[in-house]
Amino acid sequence: FDLDTMEYVVVSIPPSQESPEQVSLAAIRAVAKQGVSAVITGNIKDVCRQTLLDLGIEVIDGVEGMTVREVIERYKVTGLQATEERKGMLTRIAVASQGEGLEASLEAHFGTCSSFVVVDPTTMACETVRVEPDGPMQEVNKKAIRAVAQSGATVLITPTIHPECCMALQALAVMVYVAPAGISVREAIELYEEGELEQSLFSPFANLEDSD
């Protein structure tokens, strides 16, 4: 993609009988020949990530549940930056809720979230966004992830969230904070503004770190 013109080319990797590792390296070579500065993907192997980084190509992974256009538009707006790079940006807060408005109670789990309230914490103006959950609790709720990203929110507040959902939102430059179940959207916003909520951070390498 050319971010200025939104023109693009599709690079195909011919079918191969080689091992997955060799196919991945073939894909890296094809990408590198295009002179790209960043690769956005859902998942990537460690060796592929490091190879791209060694070539000076930024790697952004964990992006799932969105179309290519949605990811590119989000990247153009936020750069999918790290948290530190987004300091000073205007904040819109999405709160997983059981209903509409500031007095609605929080939904217990992001995976079963059927709506969330998007709040401007400066004015407390809000809007309610409806979303159909993808599956049972603790499943990755791709529709909710997409809806949060499309709302322009840079913060999500929820009592519980699946690690893969959290990592996908982090990759989309959305910080995730955990609030007590049973409180209202208004109370969750107040706790966030007072610095009382804990940020939820998941690393794709957490299991590897735990096994060391």
Foldseek 3Di string as FASTA:
>chain_A
DPLVVPDDDDDDQDDDPDDPVVSLVVVLVSVVVVVAQEDEEADDDPVSCVVCVVSNHHYQYLADLDDPVLLSVLCVVPVLDAQVVCPPPQAKEKFQFPDDDQFTFGDAEPQQGQKIWIARLVVRDIDIDGWHHPDDGLDQRSRSLSVCSVVVHQEYEHQYYHLSNQSNSSSSNHWYWHDDGGGTNNVRSVCVVVVNTDTDDDDPCVVVVVVD
